Amino acid sequence: MKGKREKILADPEAYRQEQISRKLPEDFEDLPEEEREEIVAQLEDVVASVDPVALREEILQLGKLIAQACELEEREIERKLVVLKDVLTMRAFSATPR
């Protein structure tokens, strides 16, 4: 998600043109030139321009969420290792003859 937004921010106009191209009818090339121009003009009005400020903010927020997720994942791994160590220690202690 973050990577896609970074790609959009790198070239917003290319992204916009790609969105317009996706919405073109399959027979677009077979239509008369006037009709094609009208369709493109309508799509340009429909496909929103990218707001770079909002996109940067969204990328920043996604980066923070990714960092938090990595931190939580790391904590979970550490917790599992602690539990495993405790279990192994308890088994070793209970298996030791007295």
N, C-alpha and C. Protein backbone atom coordinates (compact mmCIF):
# COMPACT_ATOMS: atom_id res chain seq x y z
N MET A 1 0.82 -1.18 0.00
CA MET A 1 0.00 0.00 0.00
C MET A 1 0.87 1.26 0.00
N LYS A 2 1.85 1.24 0.90
CA LYS A 2 2.74 2.40 0.99
C LYS A 2 3.53 2.56 -0.30
N GLY A 3 4.03 1.45 -0.84
CA GLY A 3 4.80 1.49 -2.07
C GLY A 3 3.99 2.04 -3.24
N LYS A 4 2.73 1.66 -3.31
CA LYS A 4 1.87 2.14 -4.39
C LYS A 4 1.70 3.66 -4.28
N ARG A 5 1.51 4.15 -3.08
CA ARG A 5 1.34 5.59 -2.89
C ARG A 5 2.63 6.35 -3.20
N GLU A 6 3.76 5.76 -2.87
CA GLU A 6 5.04 6.39 -3.19
C GLU A 6 5.22 6.47 -4.71
N LYS A 7 4.80 5.42 -5.41
CA LYS A 7 4.88 5.41 -6.88
C LYS A 7 3.98 6.51 -7.46
N ILE A 8 2.78 6.65 -6.91
CA ILE A 8 1.85 7.69 -7.37
C ILE A 8 2.46 9.07 -7.15
N LEU A 9 3.05 9.27 -5.97
CA LEU A 9 3.64 10.56 -5.63
C LEU A 9 4.82 10.88 -6.55
N ALA A 10 5.56 9.86 -6.95
CA ALA A 10 6.72 10.07 -7.83
C ALA A 10 6.29 10.63 -9.19
N ASP A 11 5.11 10.21 -9.68
CA ASP A 11 4.64 10.69 -10.98
C ASP A 11 3.12 10.73 -10.99
N PRO A 12 2.55 11.75 -10.36
CA PRO A 12 1.08 11.83 -10.25
C PRO A 12 0.36 11.88 -11.60
N GLU A 13 0.95 12.56 -12.57
CA GLU A 13 0.28 12.68 -13.87
C GLU A 13 0.24 11.33 -14.59
N ALA A 14 1.29 10.55 -14.49
CA ALA A 14 1.29 9.22 -15.11
C ALA A 14 0.22 8.35 -14.46
N TYR A 15 0.07 8.45 -13.15
CA TYR A 15 -0.97 7.69 -12.45
C TYR A 15 -2.35 8.11 -12.94
N ARG A 16 -2.54 9.41 -13.07
CA ARG A 16 -3.83 9.94 -13.52
C ARG A 16 -4.15 9.44 -14.94
N GLN A 17 -3.15 9.49 -15.83
CA GLN A 17 -3.35 9.02 -17.20
C GLN A 17 -3.65 7.52 -17.23
N GLU A 18 -3.00 6.78 -16.34
CA GLU A 18 -3.25 5.33 -16.25
C GLU A 18 -4.70 5.06 -15.84
N GLN A 19 -5.19 5.85 -14.89
CA GLN A 19 -6.57 5.69 -14.44
C GLN A 19 -7.55 6.02 -15.57
N ILE A 20 -7.24 7.04 -16.33
CA ILE A 20 -8.10 7.41 -17.47
C ILE A 20 -8.09 6.28 -18.49
N SER A 21 -6.91 5.74 -18.79
CA SER A 21 -6.79 4.66 -19.78
C SER A 21 -7.59 3.43 -19.38
N ARG A 22 -7.60 3.14 -18.09
CA ARG A 22 -8.35 1.97 -17.60
C ARG A 22 -9.85 2.12 -17.81
N LYS A 23 -10.32 3.35 -17.82
CA LYS A 23 -11.76 3.58 -17.93
C LYS A 23 -12.23 3.75 -19.38
N LEU A 24 -11.31 3.72 -20.30
CA LEU A 24 -11.70 3.87 -21.71
C LEU A 24 -12.45 2.63 -22.18
N PRO A 25 -13.46 2.82 -23.01
CA PRO A 25 -14.19 1.65 -23.54
C PRO A 25 -13.27 0.81 -24.42
N GLU A 26 -13.59 -0.47 -24.54
CA GLU A 26 -12.77 -1.39 -25.33
C GLU A 26 -12.67 -0.97 -26.79
N ASP A 27 -13.74 -0.41 -27.32
CA ASP A 27 -13.75 -0.01 -28.73
C ASP A 27 -13.31 1.43 -28.94
N PHE A 28 -12.59 1.99 -27.99
CA PHE A 28 -12.19 3.39 -28.01
C PHE A 28 -11.48 3.76 -29.32
N GLU A 29 -10.56 2.93 -29.76
CA GLU A 29 -9.78 3.23 -30.97
C GLU A 29 -10.65 3.21 -32.23
N ASP A 30 -11.77 2.51 -32.19
CA ASP A 30 -12.65 2.40 -33.35
C ASP A 30 -13.63 3.57 -33.45
N LEU A 31 -13.72 4.36 -32.40
CA LEU A 31 -14.68 5.48 -32.37
C LEU A 31 -14.15 6.66 -33.18
N PRO A 32 -15.07 7.50 -33.65
CA PRO A 32 -14.64 8.71 -34.36
C PRO A 32 -13.84 9.62 -33.40
N GLU A 33 -12.95 10.41 -33.96
CA GLU A 33 -12.06 11.25 -33.16
C GLU A 33 -12.82 12.18 -32.21
N GLU A 34 -13.92 12.78 -32.69
CA GLU A 34 -14.70 13.68 -31.85
C GLU A 34 -15.25 12.96 -30.62
N GLU A 35 -15.73 11.76 -30.83
CA GLU A 35 -16.28 10.97 -29.73
C GLU A 35 -15.18 10.59 -28.74
N ARG A 36 -14.01 10.24 -29.27
CA ARG A 36 -12.87 9.90 -28.38
C ARG A 36 -12.47 11.10 -27.53
N GLU A 37 -12.40 12.27 -28.15
CA GLU A 37 -12.03 13.48 -27.42
C GLU A 37 -13.05 13.78 -26.32
N GLU A 38 -14.32 13.58 -26.63
CA GLU A 38 -15.37 13.82 -25.64
C GLU A 38 -15.24 12.86 -24.45
N ILE A 39 -14.99 11.60 -24.75
CA ILE A 39 -14.84 10.59 -23.70
C ILE A 39 -13.64 10.94 -22.81
N VAL A 40 -12.52 11.30 -23.42
CA VAL A 40 -11.31 11.64 -22.65
C VAL A 40 -11.58 12.87 -21.79
N ALA A 41 -12.26 13.86 -22.34
CA ALA A 41 -12.57 15.08 -21.57
C ALA A 41 -13.45 14.74 -20.36
N GLN A 42 -14.44 13.88 -20.55
CA GLN A 42 -15.30 13.48 -19.45
C GLN A 42 -14.50 12.72 -18.39
N LEU A 43 -13.65 11.82 -18.83
CA LEU A 43 -12.85 11.04 -17.87
C LEU A 43 -11.86 11.92 -17.11
N GLU A 44 -11.30 12.91 -17.78
CA GLU A 44 -10.38 13.82 -17.09
C GLU A 44 -11.09 14.57 -15.97
N ASP A 45 -12.37 14.87 -16.17
CA ASP A 45 -13.16 15.52 -15.12
C ASP A 45 -13.46 14.57 -13.98
N VAL A 46 -13.66 13.29 -14.30
CA VAL A 46 -14.04 12.29 -13.30
C VAL A 46 -12.83 11.83 -12.48
N VAL A 47 -11.71 11.58 -13.16
CA VAL A 47 -10.52 11.09 -12.47
C VAL A 47 -9.88 12.25 -11.73
N ALA A 48 -9.84 12.12 -10.43
CA ALA A 48 -9.33 13.20 -9.59
C ALA A 48 -7.82 13.35 -9.71
N SER A 49 -7.39 14.56 -9.59
CA SER A 49 -5.95 14.81 -9.52
C SER A 49 -5.45 14.39 -8.15
N VAL A 50 -4.18 14.08 -8.08
CA VAL A 50 -3.58 13.63 -6.83
C VAL A 50 -3.14 14.85 -6.03
N ASP A 51 -3.49 14.86 -4.74
CA ASP A 51 -3.06 15.93 -3.84
C ASP A 51 -1.75 15.48 -3.18
N PRO A 52 -0.61 16.03 -3.61
CA PRO A 52 0.67 15.57 -3.08
C PRO A 52 0.81 15.72 -1.57
N VAL A 53 0.24 16.78 -1.01
CA VAL A 53 0.34 16.99 0.44
C VAL A 53 -0.39 15.88 1.19
N ALA A 54 -1.60 15.58 0.76
CA ALA A 54 -2.38 14.52 1.40
C ALA A 54 -1.71 13.16 1.20
N LEU A 55 -1.14 12.94 0.03
CA LEU A 55 -0.47 11.68 -0.26
C LEU A 55 0.77 11.51 0.62
N ARG A 56 1.54 12.57 0.78
CA ARG A 56 2.73 12.51 1.67
C ARG A 56 2.32 12.19 3.09
N GLU A 57 1.24 12.81 3.55
CA GLU A 57 0.75 12.56 4.92
C GLU A 57 0.31 11.10 5.07
N GLU A 58 -0.37 10.58 4.05
CA GLU A 58 -0.81 9.20 4.10
C GLU A 58 0.39 8.25 4.12
N ILE A 59 1.41 8.55 3.33
CA ILE A 59 2.62 7.73 3.30
C ILE A 59 3.31 7.76 4.67
N LEU A 60 3.36 8.93 5.28
CA LEU A 60 3.96 9.08 6.62
C LEU A 60 3.20 8.24 7.64
N GLN A 61 1.88 8.30 7.60
CA GLN A 61 1.05 7.54 8.54
C GLN A 61 1.23 6.03 8.31
N LEU A 62 1.28 5.62 7.05
CA LEU A 62 1.50 4.20 6.75
C LEU A 62 2.87 3.75 7.26
N GLY A 63 3.87 4.60 7.12
CA GLY A 63 5.20 4.28 7.63
C GLY A 63 5.18 4.07 9.13
N LYS A 64 4.45 4.92 9.84
CA LYS A 64 4.33 4.77 11.30
C LYS A 64 3.63 3.45 11.65
N LEU A 65 2.56 3.13 10.92
CA LEU A 65 1.84 1.89 11.18
C LEU A 65 2.72 0.67 10.91
N ILE A 66 3.51 0.73 9.86
CA ILE A 66 4.42 -0.37 9.55
C ILE A 66 5.44 -0.55 10.67
N ALA A 67 5.99 0.56 11.15
CA ALA A 67 6.97 0.49 12.24
C ALA A 67 6.35 -0.10 13.50
N GLN A 68 5.12 0.32 13.81
CA GLN A 68 4.42 -0.23 14.98
C GLN A 68 4.16 -1.72 14.82
N ALA A 69 3.77 -2.13 13.64
CA ALA A 69 3.51 -3.55 13.39
C ALA A 69 4.79 -4.37 13.56
N CYS A 70 5.90 -3.85 13.05
CA CYS A 70 7.18 -4.56 13.19
C CYS A 70 7.58 -4.66 14.66
N GLU A 71 7.37 -3.58 15.40
CA GLU A 71 7.70 -3.58 16.83
C GLU A 71 6.85 -4.61 17.58
N LEU A 72 5.57 -4.65 17.28
CA LEU A 72 4.68 -5.62 17.93
C LEU A 72 5.08 -7.05 17.57
N GLU A 73 5.43 -7.25 16.32
CA GLU A 73 5.86 -8.58 15.89
C GLU A 73 7.13 -8.99 16.63
N GLU A 74 8.04 -8.06 16.78
CA GLU A 74 9.29 -8.33 17.49
C GLU A 74 9.02 -8.68 18.95
N ARG A 75 8.13 -7.93 19.57
CA ARG A 75 7.78 -8.20 20.97
C ARG A 75 7.17 -9.59 21.12
N GLU A 76 6.31 -9.96 20.16
CA GLU A 76 5.65 -11.27 20.22
C GLU A 76 6.69 -12.38 20.11
N ILE A 77 7.66 -12.21 19.23
CA ILE A 77 8.72 -13.21 19.09
C ILE A 77 9.50 -13.32 20.40
N GLU A 78 9.84 -12.17 20.99
CA GLU A 78 10.57 -12.18 22.25
C GLU A 78 9.75 -12.88 23.34
N ARG A 79 8.46 -12.59 23.39
CA ARG A 79 7.61 -13.20 24.41
C ARG A 79 7.58 -14.72 24.23
N LYS A 80 7.48 -15.17 23.00
CA LYS A 80 7.46 -16.61 22.73
C LYS A 80 8.78 -17.25 23.15
N LEU A 81 9.88 -16.57 22.91
CA LEU A 81 11.18 -17.11 23.32
C LEU A 81 11.28 -17.22 24.84
N VAL A 82 10.76 -16.22 25.55
CA VAL A 82 10.78 -16.25 27.02
C VAL A 82 9.94 -17.42 27.53
N VAL A 83 8.76 -17.61 26.95
CA VAL A 83 7.89 -18.72 27.36
C VAL A 83 8.57 -20.05 27.06
N LEU A 84 9.18 -20.18 25.89
CA LEU A 84 9.88 -21.41 25.53
C LEU A 84 11.02 -21.69 26.51
N LYS A 85 11.77 -20.67 26.84
CA LYS A 85 12.86 -20.83 27.81
C LYS A 85 12.33 -21.30 29.16
N ASP A 86 11.24 -20.70 29.61
CA ASP A 86 10.63 -21.09 30.89
C ASP A 86 10.18 -22.55 30.86
N VAL A 87 9.54 -22.94 29.76
CA VAL A 87 9.06 -24.32 29.63
C VAL A 87 10.25 -25.28 29.65
N LEU A 88 11.28 -24.98 28.90
CA LEU A 88 12.45 -25.85 28.86
C LEU A 88 13.14 -25.91 30.22
N THR A 89 13.22 -24.80 30.90
CA THR A 89 13.83 -24.76 32.23
C THR A 89 13.03 -25.59 33.21
N MET A 90 11.70 -25.46 33.16
CA MET A 90 10.84 -26.23 34.07
C MET A 90 10.96 -27.72 33.77
N ARG A 91 11.02 -28.11 32.52
CA ARG A 91 11.16 -29.53 32.16
C ARG A 91 12.52 -30.06 32.61
N ALA A 92 13.54 -29.27 32.41
CA ALA A 92 14.88 -29.68 32.83
C ALA A 92 14.93 -29.83 34.33
N PHE A 93 14.28 -28.91 35.05
CA PHE A 93 14.26 -28.95 36.51
C PHE A 93 13.48 -30.17 37.00
N SER A 94 12.34 -30.46 36.37
CA SER A 94 11.53 -31.59 36.79
C SER A 94 12.14 -32.93 36.38
N ALA A 95 12.99 -32.94 35.36
CA ALA A 95 13.62 -34.17 34.90
C ALA A 95 14.89 -34.48 35.69
N THR A 96 15.40 -33.52 36.45
CA THR A 96 16.64 -33.71 37.23
C THR A 96 16.32 -34.58 38.43
N PRO A 97 17.08 -35.68 38.63
CA PRO A 97 16.84 -36.54 39.79
C PRO A 97 17.23 -35.83 41.08
N ARG A 98 16.49 -36.13 42.10
CA ARG A 98 16.76 -35.47 43.38
C ARG A 98 17.34 -36.42 44.36
